Amino acid sequence: MMATFRFCPKCGTLASADARTCGRCGAKLPAPARAAPEAIPNPNRVILTWAVYIVAAIGGFLLLGVVFVLALTYLFR
C-alpha cells in the first residue's frame, strides 16, 4: 500500500504523493519511495513444511498406537 502523502524536506509541509514540488516553498520533492516487491515463497520451503507436518502426523499416530497397545496389555494381563 503506497502512502497518500509525504513531507517537504525543506519546510515540512504535507504534500500529496504525486506532487513534484512543495506547494508552500516550491522546493523540489524527492521521488516517492517504491513499494518493496512481495516475497515469493520458496517452493522447497513449502514442500519441507508439508513434509514436517506429514512426518509429525505419522509419528503421532505411531505413538498413539504404542500407547494403545501398552494400555491393552496392561488391562488384559
N, C-alpha and C. Protein backbone atom coordinates (compact mmCIF):
# COMPACT_ATOMS: atom_id res chain seq x y z
N MET A 1 0.86 -1.17 0.00
CA MET A 1 0.00 0.00 0.00
C MET A 1 0.90 1.23 0.00
N MET A 2 0.70 2.12 -0.94
CA MET A 2 1.51 3.32 -1.08
C MET A 2 0.97 4.42 -0.17
N ALA A 3 1.88 5.28 0.29
CA ALA A 3 1.48 6.42 1.11
C ALA A 3 0.76 7.43 0.23
N THR A 4 -0.25 8.06 0.78
CA THR A 4 -1.03 9.04 0.03
C THR A 4 -0.36 10.41 0.11
N PHE A 5 0.37 10.68 1.19
CA PHE A 5 1.01 11.97 1.39
C PHE A 5 2.47 11.77 1.77
N ARG A 6 3.25 12.83 1.59
CA ARG A 6 4.64 12.85 2.06
C ARG A 6 4.97 14.27 2.48
N PHE A 7 6.13 14.47 3.10
CA PHE A 7 6.50 15.76 3.65
C PHE A 7 7.61 16.41 2.83
N CYS A 8 7.56 17.74 2.76
CA CYS A 8 8.60 18.51 2.09
C CYS A 8 9.86 18.47 2.95
N PRO A 9 11.03 18.15 2.37
CA PRO A 9 12.25 18.08 3.18
C PRO A 9 12.74 19.45 3.63
N LYS A 10 12.30 20.55 2.98
CA LYS A 10 12.77 21.88 3.32
C LYS A 10 11.92 22.54 4.41
N CYS A 11 10.59 22.52 4.22
CA CYS A 11 9.74 23.23 5.18
C CYS A 11 8.84 22.31 6.01
N GLY A 12 8.75 21.03 5.64
CA GLY A 12 7.97 20.08 6.42
C GLY A 12 6.49 20.07 6.11
N THR A 13 6.08 20.80 5.07
CA THR A 13 4.67 20.85 4.70
C THR A 13 4.25 19.51 4.09
N LEU A 14 3.02 19.14 4.37
CA LEU A 14 2.45 17.92 3.83
C LEU A 14 2.15 18.11 2.35
N ALA A 15 2.59 17.17 1.52
CA ALA A 15 2.35 17.26 0.08
C ALA A 15 1.74 15.95 -0.39
N SER A 16 0.99 16.01 -1.47
CA SER A 16 0.39 14.78 -1.99
C SER A 16 1.49 13.89 -2.59
N ALA A 17 1.19 12.62 -2.73
CA ALA A 17 2.18 11.66 -3.20
C ALA A 17 2.60 11.91 -4.65
N ASP A 18 1.71 12.50 -5.46
CA ASP A 18 2.05 12.74 -6.86
C ASP A 18 2.62 14.13 -7.14
N ALA A 19 2.77 14.97 -6.10
CA ALA A 19 3.32 16.32 -6.28
C ALA A 19 4.82 16.23 -6.54
N ARG A 20 5.31 17.14 -7.41
CA ARG A 20 6.74 17.18 -7.72
C ARG A 20 7.45 18.30 -6.97
N THR A 21 6.70 19.33 -6.62
CA THR A 21 7.26 20.44 -5.85
C THR A 21 6.34 20.74 -4.67
N CYS A 22 6.92 21.37 -3.66
CA CYS A 22 6.15 21.75 -2.48
C CYS A 22 5.22 22.91 -2.82
N GLY A 23 3.99 22.84 -2.38
CA GLY A 23 3.03 23.91 -2.65
C GLY A 23 3.28 25.15 -1.82
N ARG A 24 4.04 25.05 -0.75
CA ARG A 24 4.30 26.20 0.11
C ARG A 24 5.60 26.91 -0.25
N CYS A 25 6.72 26.16 -0.32
CA CYS A 25 8.01 26.82 -0.54
C CYS A 25 8.57 26.59 -1.96
N GLY A 26 7.96 25.69 -2.71
CA GLY A 26 8.39 25.45 -4.08
C GLY A 26 9.60 24.53 -4.22
N ALA A 27 10.05 23.96 -3.12
CA ALA A 27 11.21 23.06 -3.18
C ALA A 27 10.84 21.78 -3.93
N LYS A 28 11.83 21.24 -4.63
CA LYS A 28 11.61 20.01 -5.36
C LYS A 28 11.51 18.86 -4.35
N LEU A 29 10.47 18.04 -4.50
CA LEU A 29 10.25 16.92 -3.59
C LEU A 29 11.00 15.69 -4.11
N PRO A 30 11.56 14.89 -3.20
CA PRO A 30 12.24 13.67 -3.64
C PRO A 30 11.24 12.69 -4.25
N ALA A 31 11.75 11.81 -5.08
CA ALA A 31 10.88 10.81 -5.72
C ALA A 31 10.25 9.94 -4.63
N PRO A 32 8.99 9.57 -4.82
CA PRO A 32 8.34 8.73 -3.81
C PRO A 32 9.03 7.37 -3.72
N ALA A 33 9.06 6.83 -2.52
CA ALA A 33 9.69 5.52 -2.32
C ALA A 33 8.87 4.44 -3.00
N ARG A 34 9.58 3.51 -3.61
CA ARG A 34 8.89 2.39 -4.25
C ARG A 34 8.50 1.36 -3.21
N ALA A 35 7.40 0.70 -3.47
CA ALA A 35 6.98 -0.38 -2.58
C ALA A 35 7.88 -1.58 -2.81
N ALA A 36 8.21 -2.26 -1.74
CA ALA A 36 9.04 -3.47 -1.86
C ALA A 36 8.24 -4.56 -2.55
N PRO A 37 8.87 -5.31 -3.44
CA PRO A 37 8.13 -6.39 -4.10
C PRO A 37 7.73 -7.45 -3.09
N GLU A 38 6.59 -8.07 -3.34
CA GLU A 38 6.13 -9.10 -2.42
C GLU A 38 7.04 -10.32 -2.52
N ALA A 39 7.28 -10.91 -1.39
CA ALA A 39 8.16 -12.08 -1.35
C ALA A 39 7.46 -13.27 -2.01
N ILE A 40 8.19 -13.95 -2.85
CA ILE A 40 7.68 -15.15 -3.49
C ILE A 40 8.11 -16.33 -2.63
N PRO A 41 7.16 -17.15 -2.20
CA PRO A 41 7.54 -18.26 -1.33
C PRO A 41 8.44 -19.25 -2.06
N ASN A 42 9.43 -19.73 -1.34
CA ASN A 42 10.36 -20.72 -1.88
C ASN A 42 9.64 -22.06 -1.93
N PRO A 43 9.47 -22.68 -3.12
CA PRO A 43 8.73 -23.94 -3.20
C PRO A 43 9.38 -25.05 -2.38
N ASN A 44 10.72 -25.04 -2.27
CA ASN A 44 11.38 -26.07 -1.47
C ASN A 44 11.01 -25.94 0.00
N ARG A 45 10.87 -24.71 0.47
CA ARG A 45 10.50 -24.50 1.86
C ARG A 45 9.06 -24.94 2.10
N VAL A 46 8.18 -24.69 1.13
CA VAL A 46 6.78 -25.11 1.27
C VAL A 46 6.70 -26.63 1.33
N ILE A 47 7.45 -27.32 0.46
CA ILE A 47 7.45 -28.78 0.45
C ILE A 47 8.02 -29.31 1.77
N LEU A 48 9.08 -28.69 2.24
CA LEU A 48 9.69 -29.11 3.50
C LEU A 48 8.72 -28.93 4.66
N THR A 49 7.97 -27.83 4.65
CA THR A 49 6.99 -27.60 5.71
C THR A 49 5.93 -28.69 5.72
N TRP A 50 5.42 -29.05 4.55
CA TRP A 50 4.42 -30.11 4.48
C TRP A 50 5.01 -31.45 4.86
N ALA A 51 6.26 -31.69 4.50
CA ALA A 51 6.92 -32.94 4.88
C ALA A 51 7.02 -33.05 6.40
N VAL A 52 7.32 -31.95 7.06
CA VAL A 52 7.40 -31.95 8.52
C VAL A 52 6.03 -32.25 9.12
N TYR A 53 4.97 -31.66 8.56
CA TYR A 53 3.62 -31.93 9.06
C TYR A 53 3.26 -33.41 8.89
N ILE A 54 3.60 -33.98 7.75
CA ILE A 54 3.26 -35.38 7.47
C ILE A 54 4.04 -36.30 8.41
N VAL A 55 5.33 -36.04 8.57
CA VAL A 55 6.14 -36.87 9.47
C VAL A 55 5.63 -36.75 10.91
N ALA A 56 5.27 -35.56 11.32
CA ALA A 56 4.74 -35.37 12.68
C ALA A 56 3.42 -36.11 12.85
N ALA A 57 2.57 -36.08 11.84
CA ALA A 57 1.29 -36.80 11.93
C ALA A 57 1.51 -38.30 12.01
N ILE A 58 2.40 -38.83 11.18
CA ILE A 58 2.70 -40.27 11.21
C ILE A 58 3.30 -40.65 12.56
N GLY A 59 4.23 -39.84 13.04
CA GLY A 59 4.83 -40.10 14.35
C GLY A 59 3.79 -40.07 15.46
N GLY A 60 2.86 -39.15 15.37
CA GLY A 60 1.80 -39.05 16.36
C GLY A 60 0.91 -40.28 16.36
N PHE A 61 0.55 -40.76 15.16
CA PHE A 61 -0.27 -41.96 15.07
C PHE A 61 0.48 -43.19 15.58
N LEU A 62 1.78 -43.28 15.28
CA LEU A 62 2.56 -44.41 15.79
C LEU A 62 2.64 -44.38 17.31
N LEU A 63 2.87 -43.22 17.86
CA LEU A 63 2.92 -43.08 19.31
C LEU A 63 1.58 -43.43 19.94
N LEU A 64 0.52 -43.00 19.31
CA LEU A 64 -0.82 -43.32 19.81
C LEU A 64 -1.05 -44.83 19.77
N GLY A 65 -0.59 -45.48 18.70
CA GLY A 65 -0.72 -46.93 18.60
C GLY A 65 0.07 -47.64 19.68
N VAL A 66 1.28 -47.20 19.95
CA VAL A 66 2.11 -47.81 21.00
C VAL A 66 1.43 -47.65 22.36
N VAL A 67 0.93 -46.47 22.64
CA VAL A 67 0.23 -46.24 23.91
C VAL A 67 -1.00 -47.13 24.01
N PHE A 68 -1.73 -47.29 22.93
CA PHE A 68 -2.93 -48.12 22.91
C PHE A 68 -2.56 -49.58 23.19
N VAL A 69 -1.53 -50.08 22.53
CA VAL A 69 -1.09 -51.47 22.74
C VAL A 69 -0.62 -51.66 24.18
N LEU A 70 0.15 -50.74 24.70
CA LEU A 70 0.59 -50.85 26.09
C LEU A 70 -0.58 -50.82 27.06
N ALA A 71 -1.57 -50.00 26.79
CA ALA A 71 -2.74 -49.93 27.66
C ALA A 71 -3.51 -51.25 27.60
N LEU A 72 -3.65 -51.84 26.43
CA LEU A 72 -4.35 -53.11 26.31
C LEU A 72 -3.60 -54.23 27.03
N THR A 73 -2.27 -54.27 26.87
CA THR A 73 -1.51 -55.32 27.55
C THR A 73 -1.56 -55.14 29.07
N TYR A 74 -1.64 -53.91 29.54
CA TYR A 74 -1.72 -53.69 30.98
C TYR A 74 -3.10 -54.09 31.51
N LEU A 75 -4.15 -53.79 30.74
CA LEU A 75 -5.50 -54.09 31.20
C LEU A 75 -5.82 -55.58 31.14
N PHE A 76 -5.28 -56.30 30.16
CA PHE A 76 -5.64 -57.70 29.97
C PHE A 76 -4.47 -58.63 30.29
N ARG A 77 -3.87 -58.46 31.45
CA ARG A 77 -2.79 -59.35 31.88
C ARG A 77 -3.34 -60.65 32.34
